[in-house]
Protein backbone atom coordinates (compact mmCIF):
# COMPACT_ATOMS: atom_id res chain seq x y z
CA MET A 1 13.83 27.44 16.32
CA ARG A 2 13.65 30.35 18.87
CA MET A 3 10.02 30.68 19.24
CA GLY A 4 10.42 33.84 21.33
CA MET A 5 11.61 35.84 18.20
CA MET A 6 8.09 37.16 17.91
CA GLY A 7 6.71 39.14 20.73
CA ASN A 8 3.70 41.18 21.21
CA GLU A 9 5.22 44.07 19.19
CA HIS A 10 4.07 42.12 16.23
CA ASN A 11 0.56 42.34 14.61
CA GLU A 12 -1.40 39.41 13.47
CA TYR A 13 -2.52 39.17 9.82
CA VAL A 14 -5.23 36.73 8.64
CA PHE A 15 -5.70 35.99 4.96
CA ALA A 16 -8.17 34.43 2.96
CA VAL A 17 -6.54 32.25 0.00
CA GLU A 18 -8.31 30.60 -2.90
CA LEU A 19 -6.71 27.17 -3.58
CA LEU A 20 -7.17 25.29 -6.36
CA ALA A 21 -5.81 21.37 -5.88
CA ALA A 22 -6.08 18.38 -8.01
CA VAL A 23 -6.81 15.47 -5.86
CA ARG A 24 -6.33 12.06 -7.62
CA VAL A 25 -8.25 9.39 -5.91
CA ARG A 26 -8.44 5.60 -6.72
CA ALA A 27 -11.79 4.06 -5.40
CA THR A 28 -14.60 1.90 -6.72
CA SER A 29 -17.00 4.40 -7.72
CA GLU A 30 -16.77 8.38 -8.20
CA SER A 31 -19.24 8.98 -5.31
CA GLU A 32 -16.67 6.93 -2.87
CA ALA A 33 -13.65 9.24 -4.22
CA ARG A 34 -15.52 12.36 -3.73
CA GLU A 35 -16.08 11.32 -0.16
CA ALA A 36 -12.53 10.80 0.21
CA ILE A 37 -11.65 14.45 -0.76
CA PRO A 38 -12.21 16.31 2.35
CA ALA A 39 -9.83 14.22 4.51
CA ILE A 40 -6.98 15.34 2.41
CA LEU A 41 -7.88 18.90 2.64
CA GLU A 42 -8.04 19.10 6.32
CA ALA A 43 -5.67 21.78 7.95
CA PRO A 44 -2.01 20.60 8.06
CA GLY A 45 -0.84 19.44 11.60
CA ALA A 46 1.57 21.03 14.17
CA ASP A 47 4.74 19.49 12.67
CA VAL A 48 3.98 20.80 9.03
CA ILE A 49 3.36 24.28 10.71
CA ARG A 50 6.64 24.11 12.52
CA LEU A 51 8.55 23.14 9.56
CA ALA A 52 7.13 25.96 7.46
CA ASN A 53 8.07 28.20 10.26
CA GLU A 54 11.52 26.79 10.26
CA GLY A 55 11.92 27.40 6.59
CA ASN A 56 10.83 31.10 7.28
CA PHE A 57 13.45 31.61 9.81
CA ILE A 58 15.96 30.24 7.93
CA ALA A 59 14.95 32.26 4.79
CA GLY A 60 15.23 35.14 7.26
CA ARG A 61 11.63 35.97 7.56
CA ASN A 62 10.39 37.69 10.47
CA ALA A 63 6.94 35.92 10.66
CA ILE A 64 5.43 32.90 12.28
CA VAL A 65 2.38 30.78 10.76
CA ALA A 66 0.03 30.32 13.94
CA GLU A 67 -2.58 28.48 12.41
CA VAL A 68 -4.12 27.28 8.98
CA GLU A 69 -7.77 26.11 8.40
CA PHE A 70 -9.24 24.90 5.23
CA PHE A 71 -12.77 25.17 4.31
CA VAL A 72 -14.12 22.75 2.01
CA GLU A 73 -17.22 23.67 -0.02
CA LYS A 74 -19.35 20.70 -0.79
CA ASP A 75 -19.99 19.77 -4.21
CA VAL A 76 -17.43 21.82 -5.71
CA ALA A 77 -15.24 18.91 -6.95
CA ARG A 78 -15.25 19.00 -10.70
CA LEU A 79 -14.31 15.67 -12.20
CA VAL A 80 -11.74 16.15 -14.95
CA GLU A 81 -10.57 12.70 -15.92
CA VAL A 82 -11.38 8.92 -15.50
CA ARG A 83 -8.71 6.62 -15.77
CA PRO A 84 -9.16 2.76 -16.59
CA LYS A 85 -8.99 0.19 -13.41
CA THR A 86 -5.20 -0.90 -12.81
CA ASN A 87 -3.87 -3.89 -10.71
CA VAL A 88 -1.77 -1.54 -8.80
CA ALA A 89 -1.41 -2.36 -4.92
CA VAL A 90 -2.25 0.37 -2.70
CA THR A 91 0.39 1.31 -0.09
CA THR A 92 0.93 3.81 2.30
CA ALA A 93 3.99 5.74 3.44
CA LEU A 94 2.51 7.06 6.42
CA ARG A 95 3.71 5.37 9.49
């Protein structure tokens, strides 16, 4: 992707976006599950932003996402479901 397509002639816009997410966590207790939530809601890394920008470029959008920040308010996670324990092995797709 040609990162030079955007120069000083463009304004920078900062948006606050409300986000509602359903995070499914397997843990031995609700408190441990709640403690795991902020880790998944951290800002995306440079690779994710780069892919989004490439998609925007391909779609013909003259815009580059420069940065994304998430702010997680404490104690706002509302428990909506509890499923019985399963004997499913936990694996990870991350390498």
